[in-house]
N, C-alpha and C. Protein backbone atom coordinates (compact mmCIF):
# COMPACT_ATOMS: atom_id res chain seq x y z
N PHE A 1 -135.72 -92.82 34.87
CA PHE A 1 -135.93 -93.77 34.15
C PHE A 1 -137.05 -93.00 33.55
N TRP A 2 -138.02 -92.77 34.66
CA TRP A 2 -139.44 -92.38 34.42
C TRP A 2 -138.84 -90.91 33.75
N ALA A 3 -138.84 -90.37 34.08
CA ALA A 3 -138.25 -88.81 33.74
C ALA A 3 -137.82 -88.85 32.53
N ASP A 4 -137.08 -89.70 32.45
CA ASP A 4 -135.95 -89.95 30.58
C ASP A 4 -137.41 -90.18 29.68
N ALA A 5 -138.33 -90.92 30.11
CA ALA A 5 -139.19 -91.89 29.19
C ALA A 5 -140.31 -90.69 29.04
N CYS A 6 -140.72 -89.70 29.91
CA CYS A 6 -141.86 -88.56 29.56
C CYS A 6 -140.83 -87.55 28.50
N MET A 7 -139.65 -87.27 28.49
CA MET A 7 -138.96 -86.45 28.27
C MET A 7 -138.88 -87.08 26.48
N ASN A 8 -138.40 -88.40 26.61
CA ASN A 8 -138.64 -89.24 24.84
C ASN A 8 -140.27 -89.43 24.66
N MET A 9 -140.98 -89.49 25.56
CA MET A 9 -142.73 -89.29 25.06
C MET A 9 -142.94 -87.83 23.97
N THR A 10 -142.28 -87.16 24.82
CA THR A 10 -142.82 -85.91 24.34
C THR A 10 -141.53 -84.87 23.01
N ALA A 11 -140.74 -85.82 23.02
CA ALA A 11 -139.81 -84.65 21.92
C ALA A 11 -141.28 -84.85 20.78
N PRO A 12 -141.36 -86.28 20.04
CA PRO A 12 -142.13 -85.41 18.73
C PRO A 12 -142.74 -84.35 18.67
N GLY A 13 -143.41 -84.30 19.82
CA GLY A 13 -144.39 -82.95 19.70
C GLY A 13 -145.71 -83.21 19.56
N VAL A 14 -145.84 -84.73 19.94
CA VAL A 14 -147.72 -85.46 19.30
C VAL A 14 -148.01 -85.02 20.82
N ILE A 15 -147.23 -85.53 21.92
CA ILE A 15 -147.37 -85.27 23.38
C ILE A 15 -147.16 -84.20 23.79
N ASP A 16 -147.60 -83.61 24.74
CA ASP A 16 -146.98 -81.93 25.22
C ASP A 16 -147.04 -82.19 27.09
N GLY A 17 -147.23 -83.41 27.19
CA GLY A 17 -146.87 -83.52 28.84
C GLY A 17 -147.05 -84.59 29.52
N CYS A 18 -146.82 -85.09 30.39
CA CYS A 18 -146.59 -86.21 31.33
C CYS A 18 -147.70 -86.00 32.61
N PHE A 19 -148.46 -87.59 33.37
CA PHE A 19 -149.04 -87.40 34.44
C PHE A 19 -148.44 -88.15 35.11
N SER A 20 -148.29 -87.81 36.44
CA SER A 20 -147.65 -88.73 37.62
C SER A 20 -148.57 -89.21 38.41
N ASP A 21 -148.79 -90.43 38.25
CA ASP A 21 -149.89 -90.93 39.07
C ASP A 21 -148.91 -91.64 40.71
N ARG A 22 -149.93 -91.36 41.57
CA ARG A 22 -149.26 -91.81 43.07
C ARG A 22 -148.05 -90.56 43.09
N ALA A 23 -148.31 -89.42 42.61
CA ALA A 23 -147.61 -88.06 43.07
C ALA A 23 -146.94 -88.30 44.68
N ASP A 24 -147.86 -88.21 45.34
CA ASP A 24 -148.31 -87.94 46.90
C ASP A 24 -147.40 -88.42 47.87
N GLY A 25 -147.21 -88.93 48.83
CA GLY A 25 -146.71 -89.83 49.79
C GLY A 25 -145.54 -90.67 49.73
N ALA A 26 -145.75 -91.83 50.50
CA ALA A 26 -144.33 -92.77 50.07
C ALA A 26 -144.90 -94.18 50.13
N PRO A 27 -144.36 -94.95 49.25
CA PRO A 27 -144.79 -96.65 49.54
C PRO A 27 -145.13 -97.02 50.89
N ALA A 28 -146.33 -97.79 50.87
CA ALA A 28 -146.58 -98.16 52.54
C ALA A 28 -145.36 -99.33 53.14
N ALA A 29 -144.75 -99.94 51.80
CA ALA A 29 -143.32 -100.94 52.27
C ALA A 29 -142.50 -99.89 52.82
N LEU A 30 -142.14 -98.95 52.66
CA LEU A 30 -140.98 -97.94 52.12
C LEU A 30 -140.50 -98.09 54.34
N ASP A 31 -139.54 -98.13 54.89
CA ASP A 31 -139.16 -97.79 55.94
C ASP A 31 -139.57 -96.43 56.86
N PRO A 32 -139.93 -96.55 57.66
CA PRO A 32 -140.68 -95.13 57.79
C PRO A 32 -139.10 -94.00 58.16
N ALA A 33 -137.64 -94.74 58.64
CA ALA A 33 -137.17 -94.18 58.82
C ALA A 33 -136.60 -93.10 57.39
N TRP A 34 -137.14 -93.50 56.46
CA TRP A 34 -136.40 -93.26 54.86
C TRP A 34 -137.83 -92.52 54.17
N SER A 35 -138.67 -92.11 54.98
CA SER A 35 -140.05 -91.75 54.39
C SER A 35 -140.13 -90.30 54.13
N THR A 36 -139.38 -89.83 55.41
CA THR A 36 -139.12 -88.19 54.83
C THR A 36 -138.29 -88.03 53.35
N SER A 37 -137.24 -88.80 53.58
CA SER A 37 -136.03 -88.33 52.30
C SER A 37 -136.73 -88.77 51.23
N TYR A 38 -137.58 -89.55 51.25
CA TYR A 38 -138.18 -90.23 49.80
C TYR A 38 -138.99 -89.20 49.24
N LYS A 39 -140.25 -88.37 50.13
CA LYS A 39 -141.05 -87.72 49.38
C LYS A 39 -139.93 -86.53 49.53
N GLU A 40 -138.93 -85.91 50.24
CA GLU A 40 -138.34 -85.05 49.27
C GLU A 40 -137.64 -85.17 47.86
N GLY A 41 -137.05 -85.98 47.97
CA GLY A 41 -136.59 -86.45 46.69
C GLY A 41 -137.74 -86.54 45.84
N HIS A 42 -139.03 -87.15 45.69
CA HIS A 42 -139.82 -87.52 45.08
C HIS A 42 -140.56 -86.13 44.85
N GLU A 43 -140.33 -85.33 45.55
CA GLU A 43 -140.90 -83.88 44.85
C GLU A 43 -139.71 -83.17 44.03
N LEU A 44 -138.63 -83.27 44.48
CA LEU A 44 -137.63 -82.88 44.12
C LEU A 44 -137.23 -83.06 42.14
N MET A 45 -137.51 -84.52 42.16
CA MET A 45 -137.77 -85.62 41.23
C MET A 45 -138.97 -84.51 40.05
N HIS A 46 -140.02 -84.34 40.18
CA HIS A 46 -140.78 -83.85 39.74
C HIS A 46 -140.42 -82.48 39.58
N GLN A 47 -140.38 -81.63 40.26
CA GLN A 47 -140.07 -80.03 39.96
C GLN A 47 -138.96 -79.89 38.87
N GLU A 48 -137.56 -80.99 39.07
CA GLU A 48 -136.99 -81.30 37.81
C GLU A 48 -137.41 -81.49 36.57
N LEU A 49 -138.26 -82.41 36.80
CA LEU A 49 -138.80 -82.76 35.71
C LEU A 49 -140.12 -81.54 35.10
N GLN A 50 -140.37 -80.96 35.52
CA GLN A 50 -141.25 -79.44 35.14
C GLN A 50 -139.82 -78.68 33.97
N GLN A 51 -139.20 -78.54 35.34
CA GLN A 51 -137.90 -77.94 34.07
C GLN A 51 -137.44 -77.80 33.39
N ARG A 52 -137.57 -79.39 33.44
CA ARG A 52 -136.88 -79.78 31.75
C ARG A 52 -137.86 -79.67 30.55
N LEU A 53 -139.13 -80.53 31.01
CA LEU A 53 -140.15 -79.89 30.14
C LEU A 53 -140.58 -78.58 29.44
N SER A 54 -140.33 -77.73 30.46
CA SER A 54 -140.31 -76.13 29.96
C SER A 54 -139.51 -75.51 29.27
N ALA A 55 -138.10 -76.21 29.67
CA ALA A 55 -137.13 -75.48 28.89
C ALA A 55 -137.50 -76.54 27.46
N ALA A 56 -137.62 -77.54 27.41
CA ALA A 56 -137.57 -78.13 25.78
C ALA A 56 -139.03 -77.33 25.32
N GLY A 57 -139.51 -76.43 25.82
CA GLY A 57 -140.61 -76.26 24.97
C GLY A 57 -141.92 -76.95 24.86
N LYS A 58 -141.79 -77.81 26.06
CA LYS A 58 -143.40 -78.60 26.19
C LYS A 58 -144.03 -78.48 26.99
N GLY A 59 -145.23 -79.35 27.30
CA GLY A 59 -146.06 -78.97 28.37
C GLY A 59 -146.12 -79.02 29.60
N VAL A 60 -147.14 -79.56 30.58
CA VAL A 60 -147.32 -79.59 31.75
C VAL A 60 -147.06 -80.93 31.95
N LEU A 61 -146.07 -80.94 33.77
CA LEU A 61 -146.30 -82.00 34.44
C LEU A 61 -147.49 -81.90 35.18
N ILE A 62 -148.46 -83.11 35.22
CA ILE A 62 -149.44 -83.02 36.02
C ILE A 62 -149.36 -84.31 37.11
N SER A 63 -149.18 -83.49 38.47
CA SER A 63 -148.70 -84.72 39.52
C SER A 63 -150.43 -85.20 40.56
N ASN A 64 -150.72 -86.36 40.58
CA ASN A 64 -151.78 -86.84 41.19
C ASN A 64 -151.87 -86.40 42.80
N ASN A 65 -152.94 -85.92 43.09
CA ASN A 65 -153.22 -85.52 44.78
C ASN A 65 -151.78 -84.67 44.77
N VAL A 66 -151.42 -83.55 44.56
CA VAL A 66 -150.82 -83.47 45.31
C VAL A 66 -150.49 -82.00 44.54
N GLN A 67 -150.06 -80.93 45.85
CA GLN A 67 -149.87 -79.64 44.43
C GLN A 67 -148.16 -79.37 45.11
N TYR A 68 -147.09 -79.62 44.19
CA TYR A 68 -146.11 -79.06 44.39
C TYR A 68 -145.74 -77.69 43.54
N ASP A 69 -144.75 -76.92 44.47
CA ASP A 69 -144.57 -75.46 44.25
C ASP A 69 -143.61 -76.27 42.35
N GLN A 70 -143.40 -75.04 41.96
CA GLN A 70 -142.85 -75.25 40.55
C GLN A 70 -143.02 -76.62 39.60
N VAL A 71 -144.28 -76.96 39.81
CA VAL A 71 -144.84 -78.79 39.11
C VAL A 71 -145.99 -77.23 38.51
N TYR A 72 -146.39 -77.89 37.02
CA TYR A 72 -147.44 -76.71 36.55
C TYR A 72 -149.02 -77.37 36.79
N GLY A 73 -149.50 -78.40 37.20
CA GLY A 73 -150.25 -79.17 36.78
C GLY A 73 -150.83 -80.21 37.96
N GLN A 74 -151.81 -80.15 38.57
CA GLN A 74 -152.57 -81.46 39.78
C GLN A 74 -153.93 -81.45 39.04
N MET A 75 -153.71 -83.03 39.50
CA MET A 75 -155.40 -83.48 39.20
C MET A 75 -155.36 -84.13 41.15
N MET A 76 -156.81 -83.26 41.01
CA MET A 76 -157.75 -83.66 42.60
C MET A 76 -158.67 -85.13 41.95
N GLU A 77 -158.14 -86.24 42.49
CA GLU A 77 -158.52 -87.36 41.93
C GLU A 77 -159.69 -87.59 42.96
N GLY A 78 -159.82 -86.84 44.06
CA GLY A 78 -161.37 -87.47 44.90
C GLY A 78 -161.82 -86.09 44.92
N PHE A 79 -162.15 -84.99 43.88
CA PHE A 79 -163.23 -84.24 43.48
C PHE A 79 -164.83 -84.45 44.11
N GLN A 80 -165.26 -83.84 45.03
CA GLN A 80 -166.67 -84.10 45.13
C GLN A 80 -167.25 -82.84 45.29
N ALA A 81 -168.53 -82.58 45.32
CA ALA A 81 -169.79 -82.29 45.95
C ALA A 81 -169.30 -81.42 46.86
N SER A 82 -168.05 -80.76 47.02
CA SER A 82 -168.33 -79.85 48.92
C SER A 82 -167.40 -78.77 48.92
N ALA A 83 -167.24 -78.30 49.74
CA ALA A 83 -166.63 -76.95 50.34
C ALA A 83 -165.51 -77.32 49.98
N SER A 84 -164.50 -78.45 50.91
CA SER A 84 -163.53 -78.33 50.22
C SER A 84 -162.58 -78.73 49.33
N SER A 85 -163.37 -79.60 48.21
CA SER A 85 -162.95 -80.03 46.95
C SER A 85 -162.73 -78.08 46.41
N ILE A 86 -164.16 -77.58 46.40
CA ILE A 86 -164.19 -76.01 45.64
C ILE A 86 -162.74 -75.22 46.21
N GLN A 87 -162.36 -75.43 47.73
CA GLN A 87 -161.70 -74.95 47.90
C GLN A 87 -160.15 -74.99 47.52
N ALA A 88 -159.80 -76.70 47.48
CA ALA A 88 -158.65 -76.92 46.92
C ALA A 88 -158.65 -76.80 45.51
N LEU A 89 -159.60 -76.31 44.46
CA LEU A 89 -159.48 -76.09 43.16
C LEU A 89 -159.01 -74.81 43.18
N GLN A 90 -159.46 -73.66 43.99
CA GLN A 90 -159.16 -72.77 43.78
C GLN A 90 -157.69 -72.34 44.26
N SER A 91 -157.40 -73.02 45.14
CA SER A 91 -155.94 -73.06 45.92
C SER A 91 -155.05 -73.72 44.51
N CYS A 92 -155.69 -74.47 43.89
CA CYS A 92 -154.80 -74.94 42.28
C CYS A 92 -154.51 -73.72 41.50
N ALA A 93 -155.62 -73.60 41.53
CA ALA A 93 -156.08 -71.95 40.32
C ALA A 93 -155.00 -70.85 40.87
N SER A 94 -155.32 -70.54 42.04
CA SER A 94 -154.39 -69.49 42.64
C SER A 94 -153.48 -69.33 42.90
N ALA A 95 -153.08 -70.55 42.57
CA ALA A 95 -151.01 -70.86 42.21
C ALA A 95 -150.71 -71.00 40.94
N GLY A 96 -151.49 -71.03 40.13
CA GLY A 96 -151.49 -70.14 38.21
C GLY A 96 -151.16 -72.02 37.69
N HIS A 97 -151.56 -73.18 38.63
CA HIS A 97 -151.88 -74.35 37.83
C HIS A 97 -153.03 -74.75 37.11
N LEU A 98 -152.69 -75.74 36.24
CA LEU A 98 -153.62 -76.55 35.44
C LEU A 98 -154.27 -77.56 36.23
N CYS A 99 -155.48 -77.17 36.69
CA CYS A 99 -156.30 -77.92 37.72
C CYS A 99 -157.37 -79.19 36.84
N GLN A 100 -156.84 -79.90 37.33
CA GLN A 100 -157.86 -81.26 36.19
C GLN A 100 -158.49 -81.77 37.65
N ALA A 101 -160.17 -81.84 37.76
CA ALA A 101 -161.02 -82.17 38.99
C ALA A 101 -161.40 -83.74 38.26
N HIS A 102 -160.97 -84.56 38.56
CA HIS A 102 -161.94 -86.32 38.52
C HIS A 102 -162.79 -86.72 39.60
N ALA A 103 -163.57 -86.16 38.80
CA ALA A 103 -165.25 -85.93 39.49
C ALA A 103 -166.28 -87.73 39.66
N GLY A 104 -166.65 -87.96 40.74
CA GLY A 104 -167.17 -89.15 40.79
C GLY A 104 -166.06 -90.15 40.91
N TYR A 105 -165.61 -89.65 41.54
CA TYR A 105 -164.51 -91.02 41.94
C TYR A 105 -164.63 -91.10 43.72
N ARG A 106 -164.96 -90.55 44.37
CA ARG A 106 -165.35 -91.02 45.76
C ARG A 106 -167.08 -90.24 46.04
N GLY A 107 -167.39 -91.01 46.99
CA GLY A 107 -168.22 -90.18 47.92
C GLY A 107 -169.54 -90.80 47.35
N THR A 108 -170.58 -90.03 47.53
CA THR A 108 -172.00 -90.09 46.90
C THR A 108 -171.90 -90.62 45.21
N GLU A 109 -171.45 -89.56 44.63
CA GLU A 109 -171.30 -89.68 43.70
C GLU A 109 -170.72 -91.06 42.42
N HIS A 110 -169.40 -91.64 43.44
CA HIS A 110 -168.84 -93.07 42.94
C HIS A 110 -169.66 -94.19 43.39
N LYS A 111 -170.66 -93.63 44.49
CA LYS A 111 -171.50 -94.99 45.03
C LYS A 111 -172.77 -95.28 43.82
N THR A 112 -173.27 -94.30 43.19
CA THR A 112 -174.55 -93.89 42.65
C THR A 112 -173.71 -94.29 40.95
N SER A 113 -172.57 -94.97 40.64
CA SER A 113 -171.92 -95.49 39.72
C SER A 113 -171.96 -94.08 38.39
N CYS A 114 -171.75 -92.92 38.93
CA CYS A 114 -172.00 -91.67 38.32
C CYS A 114 -173.19 -91.37 37.59
N LYS A 115 -174.11 -91.97 37.65
CA LYS A 115 -175.41 -91.96 37.41
C LYS A 115 -175.78 -90.12 37.12
N ASN A 116 -175.11 -89.26 37.59
CA ASN A 116 -175.49 -88.25 37.36
C ASN A 116 -174.44 -87.45 37.37
N ILE A 117 -173.56 -87.59 37.06
CA ILE A 117 -172.10 -86.71 37.18
C ILE A 117 -172.24 -85.02 36.92
N THR A 118 -172.81 -84.79 36.78
CA THR A 118 -173.34 -83.36 36.61
C THR A 118 -173.61 -83.13 38.26
N ASP A 119 -173.79 -83.61 38.97
CA ASP A 119 -174.34 -83.66 40.50
C ASP A 119 -172.65 -82.92 41.35
N VAL A 120 -171.77 -83.74 40.99
CA VAL A 120 -170.17 -83.23 41.11
C VAL A 120 -169.49 -81.68 40.62
N LEU A 121 -170.10 -81.63 39.58
CA LEU A 121 -169.89 -80.12 38.94
C LEU A 121 -170.56 -78.91 39.65
């Protein structure tokens, strides 16, 4: 259903891709015995949707907080002024992915209400 909604929204050409929030992990209420299968199926669904978008000449699927093979966009929700965030950004870019750094969401930057968001950059 969700993948079809993405395809329908991009069909007219005004919207050129989709964003997948909570793309990582499994729902907390899910029985742990099903967690691995859920995660594998969830990744496959993202890969198949990216393939559908690409085949239709559309843009990118951006996954939140996870870098999947064959999914060409990633948002790093917890990007901070830290070596680990810079390394994650470099990893995303070296994979040839579109990288969206959501700065000021966690850490000192968040606690100061993003008064100086350039500190994160």
